[in-house]
Amino acid sequence: MKKNNAAEGTDIEALKQQSRRSGLSYNEAKAYIAKTTGGHGTNIYSNTDVEEVKRKNRQSRENSSN
């Protein structure tokens, strides 16, 4: 028999549903923090177009050397 640690009369499904509505999941929170603060290893969450940045940097260097 499986032991249940919940108090008798507790609606487990209602608790699970409330938990799902209560906010971000762990992975959602990690993704949000990575997108809003940056940091080591967060490039998988980035929406930056690396090639566009390189192109703009190259153009900037060319314009400043003239």
PDB file of N, CA and C in Angstrom:
ATOM      1  N   MET A   1       0.843  -1.186   0.000  1.00  0.00           N
ATOM      2  CA  MET A   1       0.000   0.000   0.000  1.00  0.00           C
ATOM      3  C   MET A   1       0.884   1.244   0.000  1.00  0.00           C
ATOM      4  N   LYS A   2       0.572   2.174  -0.908  1.00  0.00           N
ATOM      5  CA  LYS A   2       1.346   3.399  -1.037  1.00  0.00           C
ATOM      6  C   LYS A   2       0.975   4.375   0.070  1.00  0.00           C
ATOM      7  N   LYS A   3       1.988   4.896   0.738  1.00  0.00           N
ATOM      8  CA  LYS A   3       1.746   5.834   1.834  1.00  0.00           C
ATOM      9  C   LYS A   3       1.492   7.230   1.272  1.00  0.00           C
ATOM     10  N   ASN A   4       0.474   7.889   1.775  1.00  0.00           N
ATOM     11  CA  ASN A   4       0.112   9.228   1.352  1.00  0.00           C
ATOM     12  C   ASN A   4       0.398  10.179   2.509  1.00  0.00           C
ATOM     13  N   ASN A   5       1.244  11.188   2.269  1.00  0.00           N
ATOM     14  CA  ASN A   5       1.614  12.122   3.329  1.00  0.00           C
ATOM     15  C   ASN A   5       0.645  13.294   3.475  1.00  0.00           C
ATOM     16  N   ALA A   6      -0.330  13.401   2.577  1.00  0.00           N
ATOM     17  CA  ALA A   6      -1.281  14.511   2.638  1.00  0.00           C
ATOM     18  C   ALA A   6      -2.271  14.279   3.768  1.00  0.00           C
ATOM     19  N   ALA A   7      -2.724  15.364   4.333  1.00  0.00           N
ATOM     20  CA  ALA A   7      -3.729  15.273   5.392  1.00  0.00           C
ATOM     21  C   ALA A   7      -5.016  14.699   4.817  1.00  0.00           C
ATOM     22  N   GLU A   8      -5.702  13.943   5.623  1.00  0.00           N
ATOM     23  CA  GLU A   8      -6.948  13.330   5.158  1.00  0.00           C
ATOM     24  C   GLU A   8      -7.942  14.411   4.775  1.00  0.00           C
ATOM     25  N   GLY A   9      -8.591  14.207   3.637  1.00  0.00           N
ATOM     26  CA  GLY A   9      -9.558  15.176   3.152  1.00  0.00           C
ATOM     27  C   GLY A   9      -8.951  16.218   2.226  1.00  0.00           C
ATOM     28  N   THR A  10      -7.639  16.191   2.052  1.00  0.00           N
ATOM     29  CA  THR A  10      -6.979  17.143   1.167  1.00  0.00           C
ATOM     30  C   THR A  10      -7.222  16.742  -0.280  1.00  0.00           C
ATOM     31  N   ASP A  11      -7.646  17.671  -1.086  1.00  0.00           N
ATOM     32  CA  ASP A  11      -7.886  17.424  -2.503  1.00  0.00           C
ATOM     33  C   ASP A  11      -6.563  17.633  -3.244  1.00  0.00           C
ATOM     34  N   ILE A  12      -5.844  16.551  -3.490  1.00  0.00           N
ATOM     35  CA  ILE A  12      -4.522  16.609  -4.114  1.00  0.00           C
ATOM     36  C   ILE A  12      -4.596  17.248  -5.496  1.00  0.00           C
ATOM     37  N   GLU A  13      -5.598  16.881  -6.286  1.00  0.00           N
ATOM     38  CA  GLU A  13      -5.724  17.449  -7.632  1.00  0.00           C
ATOM     39  C   GLU A  13      -5.947  18.959  -7.574  1.00  0.00           C
ATOM     40  N   ALA A  14      -6.722  19.429  -6.614  1.00  0.00           N
ATOM     41  CA  ALA A  14      -6.946  20.873  -6.465  1.00  0.00           C
ATOM     42  C   ALA A  14      -5.641  21.571  -6.097  1.00  0.00           C
ATOM     43  N   LEU A  15      -4.843  20.946  -5.252  1.00  0.00           N
ATOM     44  CA  LEU A  15      -3.548  21.523  -4.884  1.00  0.00           C
ATOM     45  C   LEU A  15      -2.616  21.597  -6.092  1.00  0.00           C
ATOM     46  N   LYS A  16      -2.600  20.535  -6.892  1.00  0.00           N
ATOM     47  CA  LYS A  16      -1.756  20.529  -8.091  1.00  0.00           C
ATOM     48  C   LYS A  16      -2.193  21.626  -9.058  1.00  0.00           C
ATOM     49  N   GLN A  17      -3.486  21.780  -9.228  1.00  0.00           N
ATOM     50  CA  GLN A  17      -4.006  22.801 -10.134  1.00  0.00           C
ATOM     51  C   GLN A  17      -3.655  24.200  -9.621  1.00  0.00           C
ATOM     52  N   GLN A  18      -3.786  24.423  -8.340  1.00  0.00           N
ATOM     53  CA  GLN A  18      -3.432  25.715  -7.744  1.00  0.00           C
ATOM     54  C   GLN A  18      -1.950  26.003  -7.941  1.00  0.00           C
ATOM     55  N   SER A  19      -1.132  25.000  -7.779  1.00  0.00           N
ATOM     56  CA  SER A  19       0.307  25.140  -7.959  1.00  0.00           C
ATOM     57  C   SER A  19       0.639  25.558  -9.388  1.00  0.00           C
ATOM     58  N   ARG A  20      -0.049  24.950 -10.361  1.00  0.00           N
ATOM     59  CA  ARG A  20       0.196  25.298 -11.761  1.00  0.00           C
ATOM     60  C   ARG A  20      -0.178  26.742 -12.052  1.00  0.00           C
ATOM     61  N   ARG A  21      -1.166  27.284 -11.354  1.00  0.00           N
ATOM     62  CA  ARG A  21      -1.611  28.663 -11.583  1.00  0.00           C
ATOM     63  C   ARG A  21      -0.814  29.680 -10.765  1.00  0.00           C
ATOM     64  N   SER A  22       0.030  29.226  -9.865  1.00  0.00           N
ATOM     65  CA  SER A  22       0.636  30.134  -8.893  1.00  0.00           C
ATOM     66  C   SER A  22       1.816  30.939  -9.415  1.00  0.00           C
ATOM     67  N   GLY A  23       2.351  30.608 -10.570  1.00  0.00           N
ATOM     68  CA  GLY A  23       3.461  31.393 -11.082  1.00  0.00           C
ATOM     69  C   GLY A  23       4.313  30.592 -12.040  1.00  0.00           C
ATOM     70  N   LEU A  24       5.537  31.030 -12.188  1.00  0.00           N
ATOM     71  CA  LEU A  24       6.457  30.402 -13.122  1.00  0.00           C
ATOM     72  C   LEU A  24       6.955  29.063 -12.605  1.00  0.00           C
ATOM     73  N   SER A  25       7.185  28.148 -13.532  1.00  0.00           N
ATOM     74  CA  SER A  25       7.837  26.901 -13.156  1.00  0.00           C
ATOM     75  C   SER A  25       9.328  27.188 -12.960  1.00  0.00           C
ATOM     76  N   TYR A  26      10.049  26.235 -12.449  1.00  0.00           N
ATOM     77  CA  TYR A  26      11.485  26.388 -12.247  1.00  0.00           C
ATOM     78  C   TYR A  26      12.179  26.732 -13.561  1.00  0.00           C
ATOM     79  N   ASN A  27      11.886  25.975 -14.620  1.00  0.00           N
ATOM     80  CA  ASN A  27      12.533  26.224 -15.910  1.00  0.00           C
ATOM     81  C   ASN A  27      12.103  27.550 -16.521  1.00  0.00           C
ATOM     82  N   GLU A  28      10.847  27.934 -16.339  1.00  0.00           N
ATOM     83  CA  GLU A  28      10.396  29.235 -16.831  1.00  0.00           C
ATOM     84  C   GLU A  28      11.116  30.356 -16.088  1.00  0.00           C
ATOM     85  N   ALA A  29      11.311  30.192 -14.800  1.00  0.00           N
ATOM     86  CA  ALA A  29      12.019  31.201 -14.008  1.00  0.00           C
ATOM     87  C   ALA A  29      13.470  31.313 -14.461  1.00  0.00           C
ATOM     88  N   LYS A  30      14.121  30.164 -14.712  1.00  0.00           N
ATOM     89  CA  LYS A  30      15.506  30.192 -15.199  1.00  0.00           C
ATOM     90  C   LYS A  30      15.598  30.932 -16.526  1.00  0.00           C
ATOM     91  N   ALA A  31      14.695  30.647 -17.437  1.00  0.00           N
ATOM     92  CA  ALA A  31      14.709  31.297 -18.744  1.00  0.00           C
ATOM     93  C   ALA A  31      14.473  32.802 -18.602  1.00  0.00           C
ATOM     94  N   TYR A  32      13.547  33.203 -17.738  1.00  0.00           N
ATOM     95  CA  TYR A  32      13.261  34.616 -17.524  1.00  0.00           C
ATOM     96  C   TYR A  32      14.483  35.343 -16.958  1.00  0.00           C
ATOM     97  N   ILE A  33      15.112  34.751 -15.969  1.00  0.00           N
ATOM     98  CA  ILE A  33      16.295  35.365 -15.360  1.00  0.00           C
ATOM     99  C   ILE A  33      17.412  35.491 -16.381  1.00  0.00           C
ATOM    100  N   ALA A  34      17.609  34.439 -17.181  1.00  0.00           N
ATOM    101  CA  ALA A  34      18.663  34.471 -18.195  1.00  0.00           C
ATOM    102  C   ALA A  34      18.404  35.565 -19.227  1.00  0.00           C
ATOM    103  N   LYS A  35      17.150  35.716 -19.641  1.00  0.00           N
ATOM    104  CA  LYS A  35      16.824  36.723 -20.653  1.00  0.00           C
ATOM    105  C   LYS A  35      16.935  38.136 -20.107  1.00  0.00           C
ATOM    106  N   THR A  36      16.639  38.327 -18.849  1.00  0.00           N
ATOM    107  CA  THR A  36      16.591  39.684 -18.307  1.00  0.00           C
ATOM    108  C   THR A  36      17.872  40.121 -17.625  1.00  0.00           C
ATOM    109  N   THR A  37      18.734  39.188 -17.255  1.00  0.00           N
ATOM    110  CA  THR A  37      19.959  39.587 -16.561  1.00  0.00           C
ATOM    111  C   THR A  37      21.230  39.197 -17.284  1.00  0.00           C
ATOM    112  N   GLY A  38      21.155  38.253 -18.217  1.00  0.00           N
ATOM    113  CA  GLY A  38      22.352  37.788 -18.901  1.00  0.00           C
ATOM    114  C   GLY A  38      23.223  36.989 -17.951  1.00  0.00           C
ATOM    115  N   GLY A  39      24.409  36.642 -18.403  1.00  0.00           N
ATOM    116  CA  GLY A  39      25.320  35.916 -17.543  1.00  0.00           C
ATOM    117  C   GLY A  39      25.920  34.720 -18.235  1.00  0.00           C
ATOM    118  N   HIS A  40      26.794  34.026 -17.545  1.00  0.00           N
ATOM    119  CA  HIS A  40      27.515  32.880 -18.082  1.00  0.00           C
ATOM    120  C   HIS A  40      26.567  31.750 -18.441  1.00  0.00           C
ATOM    121  N   GLY A  41      26.684  31.239 -19.671  1.00  0.00           N
ATOM    122  CA  GLY A  41      25.896  30.089 -20.087  1.00  0.00           C
ATOM    123  C   GLY A  41      24.449  30.382 -20.414  1.00  0.00           C
ATOM    124  N   THR A  42      24.096  31.643 -20.616  1.00  0.00           N
ATOM    125  CA  THR A  42      22.700  31.979 -20.877  1.00  0.00           C
ATOM    126  C   THR A  42      22.424  32.204 -22.356  1.00  0.00           C
ATOM    127  N   ASN A  43      23.424  31.974 -23.212  1.00  0.00           N
ATOM    128  CA  ASN A  43      23.251  32.249 -24.638  1.00  0.00           C
ATOM    129  C   ASN A  43      22.144  31.414 -25.281  1.00  0.00           C
ATOM    130  N   ILE A  44      21.776  30.273 -24.709  1.00  0.00           N
ATOM    131  CA  ILE A  44      20.703  29.473 -25.295  1.00  0.00           C
ATOM    132  C   ILE A  44      19.361  30.179 -25.177  1.00  0.00           C
ATOM    133  N   TYR A  45      19.252  31.154 -24.285  1.00  0.00           N
ATOM    134  CA  TYR A  45      18.001  31.883 -24.096  1.00  0.00           C
ATOM    135  C   TYR A  45      17.978  33.198 -24.875  1.00  0.00           C
ATOM    136  N   SER A  46      19.073  33.523 -25.533  1.00  0.00           N
ATOM    137  CA  SER A  46      19.203  34.812 -26.198  1.00  0.00           C
ATOM    138  C   SER A  46      18.467  34.827 -27.523  1.00  0.00           C
ATOM    139  N   ASN A  47      17.888  35.961 -27.855  1.00  0.00           N
ATOM    140  CA  ASN A  47      17.276  36.134 -29.163  1.00  0.00           C
ATOM    141  C   ASN A  47      18.093  37.095 -30.019  1.00  0.00           C
ATOM    142  N   THR A  48      19.342  37.332 -29.633  1.00  0.00           N
ATOM    143  CA  THR A  48      20.237  38.213 -30.366  1.00  0.00           C
ATOM    144  C   THR A  48      20.719  37.540 -31.636  1.00  0.00           C
ATOM    145  N   ASP A  49      20.678  38.276 -32.747  1.00  0.00           N
ATOM    146  CA  ASP A  49      21.212  37.789 -34.012  1.00  0.00           C
ATOM    147  C   ASP A  49      22.710  38.095 -34.029  1.00  0.00           C
ATOM    148  N   VAL A  50      23.521  37.086 -33.754  1.00  0.00           N
ATOM    149  CA  VAL A  50      24.967  37.263 -33.618  1.00  0.00           C
ATOM    150  C   VAL A  50      25.578  37.810 -34.898  1.00  0.00           C
ATOM    151  N   GLU A  51      25.143  37.302 -36.034  1.00  0.00           N
ATOM    152  CA  GLU A  51      25.696  37.769 -37.314  1.00  0.00           C
ATOM    153  C   GLU A  51      25.380  39.243 -37.548  1.00  0.00           C
ATOM    154  N   GLU A  52      24.202  39.689 -37.167  1.00  0.00           N
ATOM    155  CA  GLU A  52      23.849  41.105 -37.314  1.00  0.00           C
ATOM    156  C   GLU A  52      24.734  41.979 -36.435  1.00  0.00           C
ATOM    157  N   VAL A  53      24.999  41.543 -35.224  1.00  0.00           N
ATOM    158  CA  VAL A  53      25.874  42.292 -34.317  1.00  0.00           C
ATOM    159  C   VAL A  53      27.282  42.387 -34.903  1.00  0.00           C
ATOM    160  N   LYS A  54      27.797  41.272 -35.415  1.00  0.00           N
ATOM    161  CA  LYS A  54      29.134  41.280 -36.033  1.00  0.00           C
ATOM    162  C   LYS A  54      29.177  42.251 -37.213  1.00  0.00           C
ATOM    163  N   ARG A  55      28.121  42.234 -38.026  1.00  0.00           N
ATOM    164  CA  ARG A  55      28.048  43.107 -39.194  1.00  0.00           C
ATOM    165  C   ARG A  55      28.055  44.577 -38.760  1.00  0.00           C
ATOM    166  N   LYS A  56      27.269  44.907 -37.745  1.00  0.00           N
ATOM    167  CA  LYS A  56      27.221  46.291 -37.254  1.00  0.00           C
ATOM    168  C   LYS A  56      28.549  46.717 -36.648  1.00  0.00           C
ATOM    169  N   ASN A  57      29.204  45.800 -35.925  1.00  0.00           N
ATOM    170  CA  ASN A  57      30.509  46.121 -35.351  1.00  0.00           C
ATOM    171  C   ASN A  57      31.530  46.385 -36.447  1.00  0.00           C
ATOM    172  N   ARG A  58      31.502  45.561 -37.493  1.00  0.00           N
ATOM    173  CA  ARG A  58      32.428  45.728 -38.611  1.00  0.00           C
ATOM    174  C   ARG A  58      32.192  47.077 -39.288  1.00  0.00           C
ATOM    175  N   GLN A  59      30.932  47.420 -39.515  1.00  0.00           N
ATOM    176  CA  GLN A  59      30.604  48.704 -40.136  1.00  0.00           C
ATOM    177  C   GLN A  59      31.054  49.872 -39.258  1.00  0.00           C
ATOM    178  N   SER A  60      30.861  49.717 -37.975  1.00  0.00           N
ATOM    179  CA  SER A  60      31.263  50.783 -37.049  1.00  0.00           C
ATOM    180  C   SER A  60      32.763  51.002 -37.077  1.00  0.00           C
ATOM    181  N   ARG A  61      33.514  49.894 -37.087  1.00  0.00           N
ATOM    182  CA  ARG A  61      34.988  50.021 -37.157  1.00  0.00           C
ATOM    183  C   ARG A  61      35.423  50.665 -38.465  1.00  0.00           C
ATOM    184  N   GLU A  62      34.774  50.285 -39.564  1.00  0.00           N
ATOM    185  CA  GLU A  62      35.119  50.861 -40.860  1.00  0.00           C
ATOM    186  C   GLU A  62      34.823  52.359 -40.910  1.00  0.00           C
ATOM    187  N   ASN A  63      33.686  52.756 -40.341  1.00  0.00           N
ATOM    188  CA  ASN A  63      33.304  54.169 -40.334  1.00  0.00           C
ATOM    189  C   ASN A  63      34.206  54.994 -39.427  1.00  0.00           C
ATOM    190  N   SER A  64      34.660  54.425 -38.332  1.00  0.00           N
ATOM    191  CA  SER A  64      35.495  55.183 -37.397  1.00  0.00           C
ATOM    192  C   SER A  64      36.927  55.311 -37.880  1.00  0.00           C
ATOM    193  N   SER A  65      37.338  54.436 -38.795  1.00  0.00           N
ATOM    194  CA  SER A  65      38.712  54.514 -39.302  1.00  0.00           C
ATOM    195  C   SER A  65      38.820  55.502 -40.454  1.00  0.00           C
ATOM    196  N   ASN A  66      37.704  56.031 -40.938  1.00  0.00           N
ATOM    197  CA  ASN A  66      37.725  56.994 -42.054  1.00  0.00           C
ATOM    198  C   ASN A  66      37.842  58.399 -41.571  1.00  0.00           C
TER     199      ASN A  66
END
